[in-house]
PDB file of N, CA and C in Angstrom:
ATOM      1  N   MET A   1     -13.462   1.408  -2.110  1.00  0.00           N
ATOM      2  CA  MET A   1     -12.224   0.699  -2.288  1.00  0.00           C
ATOM      3  C   MET A   1     -11.944   0.633  -3.778  1.00  0.00           C
ATOM      4  N   THR A   2     -10.838   1.170  -4.154  1.00  0.00           N
ATOM      5  CA  THR A   2     -10.483   1.176  -5.561  1.00  0.00           C
ATOM      6  C   THR A   2      -8.983   0.989  -5.695  1.00  0.00           C
ATOM      7  N   ILE A   3      -8.595   0.112  -6.613  1.00  0.00           N
ATOM      8  CA  ILE A   3      -7.183  -0.034  -6.951  1.00  0.00           C
ATOM      9  C   ILE A   3      -7.015   0.461  -8.380  1.00  0.00           C
ATOM     10  N   THR A   4      -6.131   1.413  -8.559  1.00  0.00           N
ATOM     11  CA  THR A   4      -5.881   1.997  -9.873  1.00  0.00           C
ATOM     12  C   THR A   4      -4.395   1.892 -10.184  1.00  0.00           C
ATOM     13  N   VAL A   5      -4.074   1.535 -11.415  1.00  0.00           N
ATOM     14  CA  VAL A   5      -2.682   1.482 -11.837  1.00  0.00           C
ATOM     15  C   VAL A   5      -2.471   2.532 -12.920  1.00  0.00           C
ATOM     16  N   PHE A   6      -1.563   3.460 -12.675  1.00  0.00           N
ATOM     17  CA  PHE A   6      -1.151   4.434 -13.677  1.00  0.00           C
ATOM     18  C   PHE A   6       0.145   3.907 -14.267  1.00  0.00           C
ATOM     19  N   ASP A   7       0.079   3.329 -15.446  1.00  0.00           N
ATOM     20  CA  ASP A   7       1.232   2.693 -16.046  1.00  0.00           C
ATOM     21  C   ASP A   7       2.003   3.676 -16.924  1.00  0.00           C
ATOM     22  N   ASN A   8       3.312   3.710 -16.766  1.00  0.00           N
ATOM     23  CA  ASN A   8       4.203   4.534 -17.577  1.00  0.00           C
ATOM     24  C   ASN A   8       3.872   6.023 -17.501  1.00  0.00           C
ATOM     25  N   ARG A   9       3.335   6.455 -16.401  1.00  0.00           N
ATOM     26  CA  ARG A   9       2.959   7.859 -16.270  1.00  0.00           C
ATOM     27  C   ARG A   9       4.161   8.763 -16.051  1.00  0.00           C
ATOM     28  N   PHE A  10       5.142   8.260 -15.365  1.00  0.00           N
ATOM     29  CA  PHE A  10       6.347   9.034 -15.068  1.00  0.00           C
ATOM     30  C   PHE A  10       7.556   8.275 -15.596  1.00  0.00           C
ATOM     31  N   ARG A  11       8.646   8.984 -15.788  1.00  0.00           N
ATOM     32  CA  ARG A  11       9.872   8.340 -16.262  1.00  0.00           C
ATOM     33  C   ARG A  11      11.047   8.798 -15.410  1.00  0.00           C
ATOM     34  N   GLN A  12      11.959   7.869 -15.169  1.00  0.00           N
ATOM     35  CA  GLN A  12      13.190   8.177 -14.470  1.00  0.00           C
ATOM     36  C   GLN A  12      14.144   8.888 -15.430  1.00  0.00           C
ATOM     37  N   PRO A  13      15.223   9.467 -14.919  1.00  0.00           N
ATOM     38  CA  PRO A  13      16.192  10.126 -15.801  1.00  0.00           C
ATOM     39  C   PRO A  13      16.730   9.212 -16.911  1.00  0.00           C
ATOM     40  N   ASN A  14      16.788   7.889 -16.660  1.00  0.00           N
ATOM     41  CA  ASN A  14      17.263   6.952 -17.686  1.00  0.00           C
ATOM     42  C   ASN A  14      16.138   6.537 -18.633  1.00  0.00           C
ATOM     43  N   ASN A  15      14.981   7.207 -18.533  1.00  0.00           N
ATOM     44  CA  ASN A  15      13.805   6.994 -19.373  1.00  0.00           C
ATOM     45  C   ASN A  15      13.038   5.713 -19.036  1.00  0.00           C
ATOM     46  N   GLN A  16      13.401   5.032 -17.943  1.00  0.00           N
ATOM     47  CA  GLN A  16      12.664   3.845 -17.516  1.00  0.00           C
ATOM     48  C   GLN A  16      11.336   4.288 -16.905  1.00  0.00           C
ATOM     49  N   PRO A  17      10.223   3.648 -17.305  1.00  0.00           N
ATOM     50  CA  PRO A  17       8.916   4.072 -16.784  1.00  0.00           C
ATOM     51  C   PRO A  17       8.731   3.724 -15.306  1.00  0.00           C
ATOM     52  N   ILE A  18       7.944   4.535 -14.635  1.00  0.00           N
ATOM     53  CA  ILE A  18       7.537   4.278 -13.257  1.00  0.00           C
ATOM     54  C   ILE A  18       6.018   4.204 -13.255  1.00  0.00           C
ATOM     55  N   ALA A  19       5.482   3.086 -12.809  1.00  0.00           N
ATOM     56  CA  ALA A  19       4.042   2.952 -12.654  1.00  0.00           C
ATOM     57  C   ALA A  19       3.706   3.193 -11.186  1.00  0.00           C
ATOM     58  N   ILE A  20       2.555   3.781 -10.935  1.00  0.00           N
ATOM     59  CA  ILE A  20       2.098   3.999  -9.563  1.00  0.00           C
ATOM     60  C   ILE A  20       0.774   3.280  -9.392  1.00  0.00           C
ATOM     61  N   LEU A  21       0.751   2.305  -8.503  1.00  0.00           N
ATOM     62  CA  LEU A  21      -0.481   1.614  -8.159  1.00  0.00           C
ATOM     63  C   LEU A  21      -1.040   2.307  -6.933  1.00  0.00           C
ATOM     64  N   THR A  22      -2.287   2.744  -7.006  1.00  0.00           N
ATOM     65  CA  THR A  22      -2.924   3.479  -5.913  1.00  0.00           C
ATOM     66  C   THR A  22      -4.129   2.701  -5.404  1.00  0.00           C
ATOM     67  N   TRP A  23      -4.180   2.492  -4.095  1.00  0.00           N
ATOM     68  CA  TRP A  23      -5.312   1.819  -3.467  1.00  0.00           C
ATOM     69  C   TRP A  23      -5.957   2.774  -2.480  1.00  0.00           C
ATOM     70  N   ALA A  24      -7.173   3.217  -2.779  1.00  0.00           N
ATOM     71  CA  ALA A  24      -7.956   4.032  -1.848  1.00  0.00           C
ATOM     72  C   ALA A  24      -8.843   3.076  -1.058  1.00  0.00           C
ATOM     73  N   PHE A  25      -8.752   3.123   0.256  1.00  0.00           N
ATOM     74  CA  PHE A  25      -9.516   2.172   1.075  1.00  0.00           C
ATOM     75  C   PHE A  25     -10.401   2.882   2.086  1.00  0.00           C
ATOM     76  N   THR A  26     -11.451   2.177   2.483  1.00  0.00           N
ATOM     77  CA  THR A  26     -12.303   2.555   3.609  1.00  0.00           C
ATOM     78  C   THR A  26     -12.507   1.295   4.434  1.00  0.00           C
ATOM     79  N   THR A  27     -12.146   1.332   5.688  1.00  0.00           N
ATOM     80  CA  THR A  27     -12.286   0.143   6.535  1.00  0.00           C
ATOM     81  C   THR A  27     -13.751  -0.131   6.824  1.00  0.00           C
ATOM     82  N   ASP A  28     -14.054  -1.384   7.175  1.00  0.00           N
ATOM     83  CA  ASP A  28     -15.412  -1.745   7.560  1.00  0.00           C
ATOM     84  C   ASP A  28     -15.624  -1.450   9.047  1.00  0.00           C
ATOM     85  N   GLY A  29     -16.749  -1.836   9.580  1.00  0.00           N
ATOM     86  CA  GLY A  29     -17.074  -1.560  10.979  1.00  0.00           C
ATOM     87  C   GLY A  29     -16.117  -2.178  11.970  1.00  0.00           C
ATOM     88  N   SER A  30     -15.420  -3.251  11.547  1.00  0.00           N
ATOM     89  CA  SER A  30     -14.446  -3.889  12.449  1.00  0.00           C
ATOM     90  C   SER A  30     -13.050  -3.273  12.328  1.00  0.00           C
ATOM     91  N   GLY A  31     -12.893  -2.312  11.405  1.00  0.00           N
ATOM     92  CA  GLY A  31     -11.598  -1.655  11.238  1.00  0.00           C
ATOM     93  C   GLY A  31     -10.682  -2.330  10.239  1.00  0.00           C
ATOM     94  N   ASP A  32     -11.235  -3.282   9.459  1.00  0.00           N
ATOM     95  CA  ASP A  32     -10.430  -4.051   8.517  1.00  0.00           C
ATOM     96  C   ASP A  32     -10.943  -3.868   7.090  1.00  0.00           C
ATOM     97  N   ILE A  33     -10.100  -4.154   6.125  1.00  0.00           N
ATOM     98  CA  ILE A  33     -10.489  -4.180   4.716  1.00  0.00           C
ATOM     99  C   ILE A  33      -9.414  -4.945   3.962  1.00  0.00           C
ATOM    100  N   SER A  34      -9.820  -5.653   2.914  1.00  0.00           N
ATOM    101  CA  SER A  34      -8.878  -6.392   2.091  1.00  0.00           C
ATOM    102  C   SER A  34      -9.364  -6.358   0.648  1.00  0.00           C
ATOM    103  N   GLU A  35      -8.431  -6.195  -0.290  1.00  0.00           N
ATOM    104  CA  GLU A  35      -8.783  -6.166  -1.707  1.00  0.00           C
ATOM    105  C   GLU A  35      -7.600  -6.661  -2.528  1.00  0.00           C
ATOM    106  N   GLU A  36      -7.921  -7.345  -3.634  1.00  0.00           N
ATOM    107  CA  GLU A  36      -6.892  -7.904  -4.510  1.00  0.00           C
ATOM    108  C   GLU A  36      -6.704  -7.025  -5.736  1.00  0.00           C
ATOM    109  N   SER A  37      -5.464  -6.874  -6.171  1.00  0.00           N
ATOM    110  CA  SER A  37      -5.130  -6.061  -7.347  1.00  0.00           C
ATOM    111  C   SER A  37      -5.136  -6.912  -8.608  1.00  0.00           C
ATOM    112  N   VAL A  38      -4.939  -6.264  -9.723  1.00  0.00           N
ATOM    113  CA  VAL A  38      -4.645  -6.960 -10.965  1.00  0.00           C
ATOM    114  C   VAL A  38      -3.233  -7.525 -10.843  1.00  0.00           C
ATOM    115  N   THR A  39      -2.813  -8.344 -11.790  1.00  0.00           N
ATOM    116  CA  THR A  39      -1.455  -8.883 -11.761  1.00  0.00           C
ATOM    117  C   THR A  39      -0.448  -7.747 -11.977  1.00  0.00           C
ATOM    118  N   ILE A  40       0.537  -7.696 -11.127  1.00  0.00           N
ATOM    119  CA  ILE A  40       1.586  -6.688 -11.182  1.00  0.00           C
ATOM    120  C   ILE A  40       2.863  -7.355 -11.686  1.00  0.00           C
ATOM    121  N   LEU A  41       3.478  -6.762 -12.685  1.00  0.00           N
ATOM    122  CA  LEU A  41       4.754  -7.246 -13.204  1.00  0.00           C
ATOM    123  C   LEU A  41       5.770  -6.120 -13.073  1.00  0.00           C
ATOM    124  N   GLY A  42       6.780  -6.312 -12.280  1.00  0.00           N
ATOM    125  CA  GLY A  42       7.793  -5.280 -12.118  1.00  0.00           C
ATOM    126  C   GLY A  42       8.505  -5.384 -10.790  1.00  0.00           C
ATOM    127  N   ARG A  43       9.190  -4.315 -10.445  1.00  0.00           N
ATOM    128  CA  ARG A  43       9.937  -4.246  -9.191  1.00  0.00           C
ATOM    129  C   ARG A  43       9.336  -3.147  -8.341  1.00  0.00           C
ATOM    130  N   ILE A  44       8.967  -3.490  -7.126  1.00  0.00           N
ATOM    131  CA  ILE A  44       8.376  -2.507  -6.217  1.00  0.00           C
ATOM    132  C   ILE A  44       9.514  -1.807  -5.483  1.00  0.00           C
ATOM    133  N   ASN A  45       9.553  -0.486  -5.635  1.00  0.00           N
ATOM    134  CA  ASN A  45      10.649   0.299  -5.073  1.00  0.00           C
ATOM    135  C   ASN A  45      10.319   0.923  -3.731  1.00  0.00           C
ATOM    136  N   ARG A  46       9.066   1.351  -3.570  1.00  0.00           N
ATOM    137  CA  ARG A  46       8.689   1.981  -2.302  1.00  0.00           C
ATOM    138  C   ARG A  46       7.180   1.995  -2.180  1.00  0.00           C
ATOM    139  N   ILE A  47       6.720   2.142  -0.961  1.00  0.00           N
ATOM    140  CA  ILE A  47       5.295   2.188  -0.632  1.00  0.00           C
ATOM    141  C   ILE A  47       5.072   3.425   0.215  1.00  0.00           C
ATOM    142  N   VAL A  48       3.986   4.146  -0.053  1.00  0.00           N
ATOM    143  CA  VAL A  48       3.636   5.319   0.746  1.00  0.00           C
ATOM    144  C   VAL A  48       2.206   5.146   1.240  1.00  0.00           C
ATOM    145  N   THR A  49       1.982   5.428   2.520  1.00  0.00           N
ATOM    146  CA  THR A  49       0.623   5.412   3.079  1.00  0.00           C
ATOM    147  C   THR A  49       0.220   6.841   3.418  1.00  0.00           C
ATOM    148  N   ASN A  50      -0.981   7.196   2.985  1.00  0.00           N
ATOM    149  CA  ASN A  50      -1.515   8.543   3.217  1.00  0.00           C
ATOM    150  C   ASN A  50      -2.880   8.433   3.896  1.00  0.00           C
ATOM    151  N   PRO A  51      -2.962   8.674   5.194  1.00  0.00           N
ATOM    152  CA  PRO A  51      -4.257   8.652   5.869  1.00  0.00           C
ATOM    153  C   PRO A  51      -5.146   9.795   5.370  1.00  0.00           C
ATOM    154  N   ASP A  52      -6.452   9.572   5.397  1.00  0.00           N
ATOM    155  CA  ASP A  52      -7.411  10.611   5.044  1.00  0.00           C
ATOM    156  C   ASP A  52      -7.307  11.759   6.055  1.00  0.00           C
ATOM    157  N   ASN A  53      -7.544  12.980   5.603  1.00  0.00           N
ATOM    158  CA  ASN A  53      -7.444  14.139   6.502  1.00  0.00           C
ATOM    159  C   ASN A  53      -8.598  14.242   7.485  1.00  0.00           C
ATOM    160  N   THR A  54      -9.726  13.623   7.152  1.00  0.00           N
ATOM    161  CA  THR A  54     -10.909  13.711   8.013  1.00  0.00           C
ATOM    162  C   THR A  54     -11.156  12.423   8.787  1.00  0.00           C
ATOM    163  N   ASP A  55     -11.192  11.309   8.062  1.00  0.00           N
ATOM    164  CA  ASP A  55     -11.462  10.004   8.672  1.00  0.00           C
ATOM    165  C   ASP A  55     -10.174   9.203   8.783  1.00  0.00           C
ATOM    166  N   THR A  56      -9.239   9.718   9.571  1.00  0.00           N
ATOM    167  CA  THR A  56      -7.904   9.140   9.709  1.00  0.00           C
ATOM    168  C   THR A  56      -7.956   7.790  10.421  1.00  0.00           C
ATOM    169  N   PRO A  57      -7.265   6.774   9.881  1.00  0.00           N
ATOM    170  CA  PRO A  57      -7.207   5.491  10.588  1.00  0.00           C
ATOM    171  C   PRO A  57      -6.634   5.644  12.000  1.00  0.00           C
ATOM    172  N   THR A  58      -7.036   4.742  12.855  1.00  0.00           N
ATOM    173  CA  THR A  58      -6.575   4.709  14.235  1.00  0.00           C
ATOM    174  C   THR A  58      -5.053   4.544  14.284  1.00  0.00           C
ATOM    175  N   ALA A  59      -4.421   5.150  15.270  1.00  0.00           N
ATOM    176  CA  ALA A  59      -2.968   5.003  15.432  1.00  0.00           C
ATOM    177  C   ALA A  59      -2.586   3.531  15.474  1.00  0.00           C
ATOM    178  N   ASN A  60      -1.440   3.226  14.895  1.00  0.00           N
ATOM    179  CA  ASN A  60      -0.882   1.879  14.867  1.00  0.00           C
ATOM    180  C   ASN A  60      -1.680   0.904  13.998  1.00  0.00           C
ATOM    181  N   TRP A  61      -2.334   1.434  12.957  1.00  0.00           N
ATOM    182  CA  TRP A  61      -3.022   0.530  12.032  1.00  0.00           C
ATOM    183  C   TRP A  61      -1.980  -0.245  11.229  1.00  0.00           C
ATOM    184  N   ASP A  62      -2.389  -1.395  10.720  1.00  0.00           N
ATOM    185  CA  ASP A  62      -1.449  -2.308  10.074  1.00  0.00           C
ATOM    186  C   ASP A  62      -1.780  -2.510   8.602  1.00  0.00           C
ATOM    187  N   LEU A  63      -0.751  -2.558   7.774  1.00  0.00           N
ATOM    188  CA  LEU A  63      -0.875  -2.820   6.342  1.00  0.00           C
ATOM    189  C   LEU A  63      -0.036  -4.035   5.986  1.00  0.00           C
ATOM    190  N   THR A  64      -0.640  -4.987   5.302  1.00  0.00           N
ATOM    191  CA  THR A  64       0.114  -6.075   4.686  1.00  0.00           C
ATOM    192  C   THR A  64      -0.215  -6.075   3.204  1.00  0.00           C
ATOM    193  N   ILE A  65       0.760  -6.426   2.404  1.00  0.00           N
ATOM    194  CA  ILE A  65       0.583  -6.579   0.967  1.00  0.00           C
ATOM    195  C   ILE A  65       1.165  -7.951   0.628  1.00  0.00           C
ATOM    196  N   GLU A  66       0.282  -8.901   0.340  1.00  0.00           N
ATOM    197  CA  GLU A  66       0.722 -10.276   0.108  1.00  0.00           C
ATOM    198  C   GLU A  66       0.639 -10.645  -1.365  1.00  0.00           C
ATOM    199  N   ASP A  67       1.632 -11.419  -1.820  1.00  0.00           N
ATOM    200  CA  ASP A  67       1.598 -11.931  -3.182  1.00  0.00           C
ATOM    201  C   ASP A  67       0.738 -13.195  -3.222  1.00  0.00           C
ATOM    202  N   GLU A  68       0.646 -13.829  -4.379  1.00  0.00           N
ATOM    203  CA  GLU A  68      -0.212 -15.016  -4.519  1.00  0.00           C
ATOM    204  C   GLU A  68       0.283 -16.206  -3.715  1.00  0.00           C
ATOM    205  N   ASP A  69       1.520 -16.165  -3.247  1.00  0.00           N
ATOM    206  CA  ASP A  69       2.045 -17.218  -2.384  1.00  0.00           C
ATOM    207  C   ASP A  69       1.776 -16.948  -0.908  1.00  0.00           C
ATOM    208  N   GLY A  70       1.133 -15.815  -0.606  1.00  0.00           N
ATOM    209  CA  GLY A  70       0.827 -15.474   0.780  1.00  0.00           C
ATOM    210  C   GLY A  70       1.978 -14.815   1.521  1.00  0.00           C
ATOM    211  N   VAL A  71       2.998 -14.350   0.787  1.00  0.00           N
ATOM    212  CA  VAL A  71       4.153 -13.709   1.404  1.00  0.00           C
ATOM    213  C   VAL A  71       3.918 -12.197   1.476  1.00  0.00           C
ATOM    214  N   ASP A  72       4.085 -11.631   2.662  1.00  0.00           N
ATOM    215  CA  ASP A  72       3.965 -10.180   2.841  1.00  0.00           C
ATOM    216  C   ASP A  72       5.212  -9.526   2.263  1.00  0.00           C
ATOM    217  N   ILE A  73       5.050  -8.797   1.159  1.00  0.00           N
ATOM    218  CA  ILE A  73       6.214  -8.193   0.506  1.00  0.00           C
ATOM    219  C   ILE A  73       6.826  -7.074   1.337  1.00  0.00           C
ATOM    220  N   LEU A  74       6.124  -6.648   2.388  1.00  0.00           N
ATOM    221  CA  LEU A  74       6.676  -5.635   3.293  1.00  0.00           C
ATOM    222  C   LEU A  74       7.436  -6.255   4.465  1.00  0.00           C
ATOM    223  N   CYS A  75       7.372  -7.569   4.612  1.00  0.00           N
ATOM    224  CA  CYS A  75       8.050  -8.278   5.712  1.00  0.00           C
ATOM    225  C   CYS A  75       7.723  -7.659   7.068  1.00  0.00           C
ATOM    226  N   GLY A  76       6.488  -7.237   7.232  1.00  0.00           N
ATOM    227  CA  GLY A  76       6.070  -6.651   8.503  1.00  0.00           C
ATOM    228  C   GLY A  76       6.315  -5.161   8.623  1.00  0.00           C
ATOM    229  N   ASN A  77       6.949  -4.542   7.613  1.00  0.00           N
ATOM    230  CA  ASN A  77       7.243  -3.113   7.682  1.00  0.00           C
ATOM    231  C   ASN A  77       6.003  -2.225   7.548  1.00  0.00           C
ATOM    232  N   GLY A  78       4.851  -2.829   7.278  1.00  0.00           N
ATOM    233  CA  GLY A  78       3.610  -2.056   7.215  1.00  0.00           C
ATOM    234  C   GLY A  78       2.872  -2.013   8.545  1.00  0.00           C
ATOM    235  N   ALA A  79       3.443  -2.602   9.578  1.00  0.00           N
ATOM    236  CA  ALA A  79       2.803  -2.620  10.902  1.00  0.00           C
ATOM    237  C   ALA A  79       2.943  -1.263  11.585  1.00  0.00           C
ATOM    238  N   ASP A  80       1.971  -0.950  12.402  1.00  0.00           N
ATOM    239  CA  ASP A  80       2.000   0.245  13.258  1.00  0.00           C
ATOM    240  C   ASP A  80       2.185   1.536  12.471  1.00  0.00           C
ATOM    241  N   ARG A  81       1.379   1.704  11.430  1.00  0.00           N
ATOM    242  CA  ARG A  81       1.384   2.955  10.663  1.00  0.00           C
ATOM    243  C   ARG A  81       0.891   4.086  11.546  1.00  0.00           C
ATOM    244  N   ASP A  82       1.442   5.253  11.390  1.00  0.00           N
ATOM    245  CA  ASP A  82       1.028   6.470  12.094  1.00  0.00           C
ATOM    246  C   ASP A  82       0.979   6.253  13.609  1.00  0.00           C
ATOM    247  N   ALA A  83       2.065   5.743  14.148  1.00  0.00           N
ATOM    248  CA  ALA A  83       2.131   5.436  15.578  1.00  0.00           C
ATOM    249  C   ALA A  83       1.860   6.650  16.456  1.00  0.00           C
ATOM    250  N   GLY A  84       2.181   7.850  15.973  1.00  0.00           N
ATOM    251  CA  GLY A  84       1.952   9.064  16.751  1.00  0.00           C
ATOM    252  C   GLY A  84       0.546   9.616  16.615  1.00  0.00           C
ATOM    253  N   ASP A  85      -0.302   8.939  15.806  1.00  0.00           N
ATOM    254  CA  ASP A  85      -1.693   9.334  15.596  1.00  0.00           C
ATOM    255  C   ASP A  85      -1.798  10.782  15.104  1.00  0.00           C
ATOM    256  N   THR A  86      -0.896  11.159  14.191  1.00  0.00           N
ATOM    257  CA  THR A  86      -0.889  12.526  13.668  1.00  0.00           C
ATOM    258  C   THR A  86      -1.532  12.637  12.293  1.00  0.00           C
ATOM    259  N   GLY A  87      -1.850  11.501  11.667  1.00  0.00           N
ATOM    260  CA  GLY A  87      -2.394  11.518  10.321  1.00  0.00           C
ATOM    261  C   GLY A  87      -1.336  11.779   9.270  1.00  0.00           C
ATOM    262  N   ALA A  88      -0.083  11.543   9.620  1.00  0.00           N
ATOM    263  CA  ALA A  88       1.028  11.849   8.713  1.00  0.00           C
ATOM    264  C   ALA A  88       1.198  10.766   7.653  1.00  0.00           C
ATOM    265  N   SER A  89       1.659  11.178   6.473  1.00  0.00           N
ATOM    266  CA  SER A  89       2.048  10.228   5.435  1.00  0.00           C
ATOM    267  C   SER A  89       3.344   9.559   5.864  1.00  0.00           C
ATOM    268  N   GLU A  90       3.467   8.275   5.516  1.00  0.00           N
ATOM    269  CA  GLU A  90       4.672   7.531   5.861  1.00  0.00           C
ATOM    270  C   GLU A  90       5.069   6.653   4.690  1.00  0.00           C
ATOM    271  N   GLN A  91       6.350   6.391   4.579  1.00  0.00           N
ATOM    272  CA  GLN A  91       6.783   5.453   3.557  1.00  0.00           C
ATOM    273  C   GLN A  91       7.284   4.178   4.209  1.00  0.00           C
ATOM    274  N   ALA A  92       7.243   3.112   3.420  1.00  0.00           N
ATOM    275  CA  ALA A  92       7.780   1.820   3.835  1.00  0.00           C
ATOM    276  C   ALA A  92       8.504   1.253   2.625  1.00  0.00           C
ATOM    277  N   PHE A  93       9.354   0.308   2.873  1.00  0.00           N
ATOM    278  CA  PHE A  93      10.092  -0.290   1.775  1.00  0.00           C
ATOM    279  C   PHE A  93       9.830  -1.785   1.744  1.00  0.00           C
ATOM    280  N   PRO A  94       9.747  -2.342   0.536  1.00  0.00           N
ATOM    281  CA  PRO A  94       9.541  -3.785   0.433  1.00  0.00           C
ATOM    282  C   PRO A  94      10.759  -4.519   0.976  1.00  0.00           C
ATOM    283  N   CYS A  95      10.577  -5.794   1.207  1.00  0.00           N
ATOM    284  CA  CYS A  95      11.641  -6.613   1.773  1.00  0.00           C
ATOM    285  C   CYS A  95      11.790  -7.856   0.909  1.00  0.00           C
ATOM    286  N   PRO A  96      12.862  -8.089   0.225  1.00  0.00           N
ATOM    287  CA  PRO A  96      14.021  -7.213   0.158  1.00  0.00           C
ATOM    288  C   PRO A  96      13.723  -5.967  -0.649  1.00  0.00           C
ATOM    289  N   ALA A  97      14.586  -4.966  -0.530  1.00  0.00           N
ATOM    290  CA  ALA A  97      14.392  -3.725  -1.276  1.00  0.00           C
ATOM    291  C   ALA A  97      14.349  -4.031  -2.770  1.00  0.00           C
ATOM    292  N   ASP A  98      13.487  -3.301  -3.479  1.00  0.00           N
ATOM    293  CA  ASP A  98      13.380  -3.445  -4.933  1.00  0.00           C
ATOM    294  C   ASP A  98      12.978  -4.869  -5.310  1.00  0.00           C
ATOM    295  N   ILE A  99      11.929  -5.382  -4.669  1.00  0.00           N
ATOM    296  CA  ILE A  99      11.490  -6.760  -4.846  1.00  0.00           C
ATOM    297  C   ILE A  99      10.785  -6.952  -6.190  1.00  0.00           C
ATOM    298  N   ALA A 100      11.103  -8.044  -6.862  1.00  0.00           N
ATOM    299  CA  ALA A 100      10.453  -8.390  -8.125  1.00  0.00           C
ATOM    300  C   ALA A 100       9.112  -9.058  -7.820  1.00  0.00           C
ATOM    301  N   VAL A 101       8.081  -8.650  -8.583  1.00  0.00           N
ATOM    302  CA  VAL A 101       6.747  -9.206  -8.393  1.00  0.00           C
ATOM    303  C   VAL A 101       6.156  -9.568  -9.748  1.00  0.00           C
ATOM    304  N   ALA A 102       5.545 -10.737  -9.832  1.00  0.00           N
ATOM    305  CA  ALA A 102       4.789 -11.178 -11.004  1.00  0.00           C
ATOM    306  C   ALA A 102       3.575 -11.901 -10.462  1.00  0.00           C
ATOM    307  N   SER A 103       2.656 -11.142  -9.865  1.00  0.00           N
ATOM    308  CA  SER A 103       1.578 -11.741  -9.090  1.00  0.00           C
ATOM    309  C   SER A 103       0.474 -10.715  -8.853  1.00  0.00           C
ATOM    310  N   LYS A 104      -0.719 -11.207  -8.569  1.00  0.00           N
ATOM    311  CA  LYS A 104      -1.726 -10.328  -7.987  1.00  0.00           C
ATOM    312  C   LYS A 104      -1.293 -10.049  -6.556  1.00  0.00           C
ATOM    313  N   LEU A 105      -1.659  -8.894  -6.040  1.00  0.00           N
ATOM    314  CA  LEU A 105      -1.314  -8.535  -4.673  1.00  0.00           C
ATOM    315  C   LEU A 105      -2.600  -8.328  -3.881  1.00  0.00           C
ATOM    316  N   THR A 106      -2.594  -8.793  -2.636  1.00  0.00           N
ATOM    317  CA  THR A 106      -3.731  -8.582  -1.749  1.00  0.00           C
ATOM    318  C   THR A 106      -3.330  -7.558  -0.701  1.00  0.00           C
ATOM    319  N   PHE A 107      -4.035  -6.426  -0.712  1.00  0.00           N
ATOM    320  CA  PHE A 107      -3.817  -5.340   0.229  1.00  0.00           C
ATOM    321  C   PHE A 107      -4.760  -5.553   1.404  1.00  0.00           C
ATOM    322  N   THR A 108      -4.232  -5.509   2.619  1.00  0.00           N
ATOM    323  CA  THR A 108      -5.070  -5.693   3.807  1.00  0.00           C
ATOM    324  C   THR A 108      -4.715  -4.636   4.848  1.00  0.00           C
ATOM    325  N   VAL A 109      -5.745  -3.982   5.367  1.00  0.00           N
ATOM    326  CA  VAL A 109      -5.598  -3.075   6.504  1.00  0.00           C
ATOM    327  C   VAL A 109      -6.287  -3.728   7.683  1.00  0.00           C
ATOM    328  N   ALA A 110      -5.628  -3.735   8.833  1.00  0.00           N
ATOM    329  CA  ALA A 110      -6.192  -4.247  10.077  1.00  0.00           C
ATOM    330  C   ALA A 110      -6.035  -3.183  11.153  1.00  0.00           C
ATOM    331  N   ASN A 111      -6.922  -3.194  12.119  1.00  0.00           N
ATOM    332  CA  ASN A 111      -6.874  -2.272  13.264  1.00  0.00           C
ATOM    333  C   ASN A 111      -6.971  -0.810  12.850  1.00  0.00           C
ATOM    334  N   GLY A 112      -7.693  -0.538  11.764  1.00  0.00           N
ATOM    335  CA  GLY A 112      -7.774   0.819  11.245  1.00  0.00           C
ATOM    336  C   GLY A 112      -8.842   1.685  11.873  1.00  0.00           C
ATOM    337  N   GLY A 113      -9.753   1.082  12.613  1.00  0.00           N
ATOM    338  CA  GLY A 113     -10.864   1.833  13.177  1.00  0.00           C
ATOM    339  C   GLY A 113     -12.082   1.772  12.251  1.00  0.00           C
ATOM    340  N   ASP A 114     -13.237   2.051  12.802  1.00  0.00           N
ATOM    341  CA  ASP A 114     -14.515   1.956  12.103  1.00  0.00           C
ATOM    342  C   ASP A 114     -14.628   2.998  10.979  1.00  0.00           C
ATOM    343  N   THR A 115     -14.808   2.530   9.751  1.00  0.00           N
ATOM    344  CA  THR A 115     -14.999   3.347   8.542  1.00  0.00           C
ATOM    345  C   THR A 115     -13.968   4.479   8.407  1.00  0.00           C
ATOM    346  N   LYS A 116     -12.722   4.120   8.488  1.00  0.00           N
ATOM    347  CA  LYS A 116     -11.620   5.069   8.315  1.00  0.00           C
ATOM    348  C   LYS A 116     -11.052   4.940   6.907  1.00  0.00           C
ATOM    349  N   LYS A 117     -10.422   6.005   6.411  1.00  0.00           N
ATOM    350  CA  LYS A 117      -9.997   6.038   5.018  1.00  0.00           C
ATOM    351  C   LYS A 117      -8.509   6.358   4.884  1.00  0.00           C
ATOM    352  N   GLY A 118      -7.963   5.914   3.759  1.00  0.00           N
ATOM    353  CA  GLY A 118      -6.572   6.231   3.439  1.00  0.00           C
ATOM    354  C   GLY A 118      -6.239   5.789   2.037  1.00  0.00           C
ATOM    355  N   VAL A 119      -5.017   6.047   1.637  1.00  0.00           N
ATOM    356  CA  VAL A 119      -4.527   5.685   0.309  1.00  0.00           C
ATOM    357  C   VAL A 119      -3.150   5.051   0.476  1.00  0.00           C
ATOM    358  N   VAL A 120      -2.931   3.971  -0.268  1.00  0.00           N
ATOM    359  CA  VAL A 120      -1.633   3.304  -0.305  1.00  0.00           C
ATOM    360  C   VAL A 120      -1.135   3.399  -1.745  1.00  0.00           C
ATOM    361  N   LYS A 121       0.118   3.825  -1.913  1.00  0.00           N
ATOM    362  CA  LYS A 121       0.714   3.915  -3.247  1.00  0.00           C
ATOM    363  C   LYS A 121       1.942   3.027  -3.328  1.00  0.00           C
ATOM    364  N   LEU A 122       2.018   2.243  -4.417  1.00  0.00           N
ATOM    365  CA  LEU A 122       3.197   1.443  -4.715  1.00  0.00           C
ATOM    366  C   LEU A 122       3.876   2.031  -5.934  1.00  0.00           C
ATOM    367  N   TYR A 123       5.162   2.238  -5.856  1.00  0.00           N
ATOM    368  CA  TYR A 123       5.946   2.751  -6.974  1.00  0.00           C
ATOM    369  C   TYR A 123       6.664   1.559  -7.608  1.00  0.00           C
ATOM    370  N   ILE A 124       6.382   1.311  -8.889  1.00  0.00           N
ATOM    371  CA  ILE A 124       6.822   0.110  -9.566  1.00  0.00           C
ATOM    372  C   ILE A 124       7.622   0.465 -10.819  1.00  0.00           C
ATOM    373  N   THR A 125       8.785  -0.176 -10.979  1.00  0.00           N
ATOM    374  CA  THR A 125       9.570   0.001 -12.214  1.00  0.00           C
ATOM    375  C   THR A 125       9.626  -1.306 -12.950  1.00  0.00           C
TER     376      THR A 125
END
């Protein structure tokens, strides 16, 4: 389990930086995992989930990303990832779109299956 922040790695056409926070996870024997990030300051524009090609999480696994107030910034949009059990990458959007964050974030995967892997990316401006 690792959370990495690539700050100012990319730039938009208007020269505004885009940071990408990447969380590589491996679920425990119960199919769950949770980890807290460093403090994030910015606006979250989109989230992408990428299941591992070999140890793919179980169909309909759930992702929540909560701020320090316990609010899921995805408003439930992280539920039922990979419903077709194809191992496909999927995107989700924060709720409301382009949400401002000044908080540590807690990433939680539930119902992922025993020792399954994936990556979650947050795009932050």
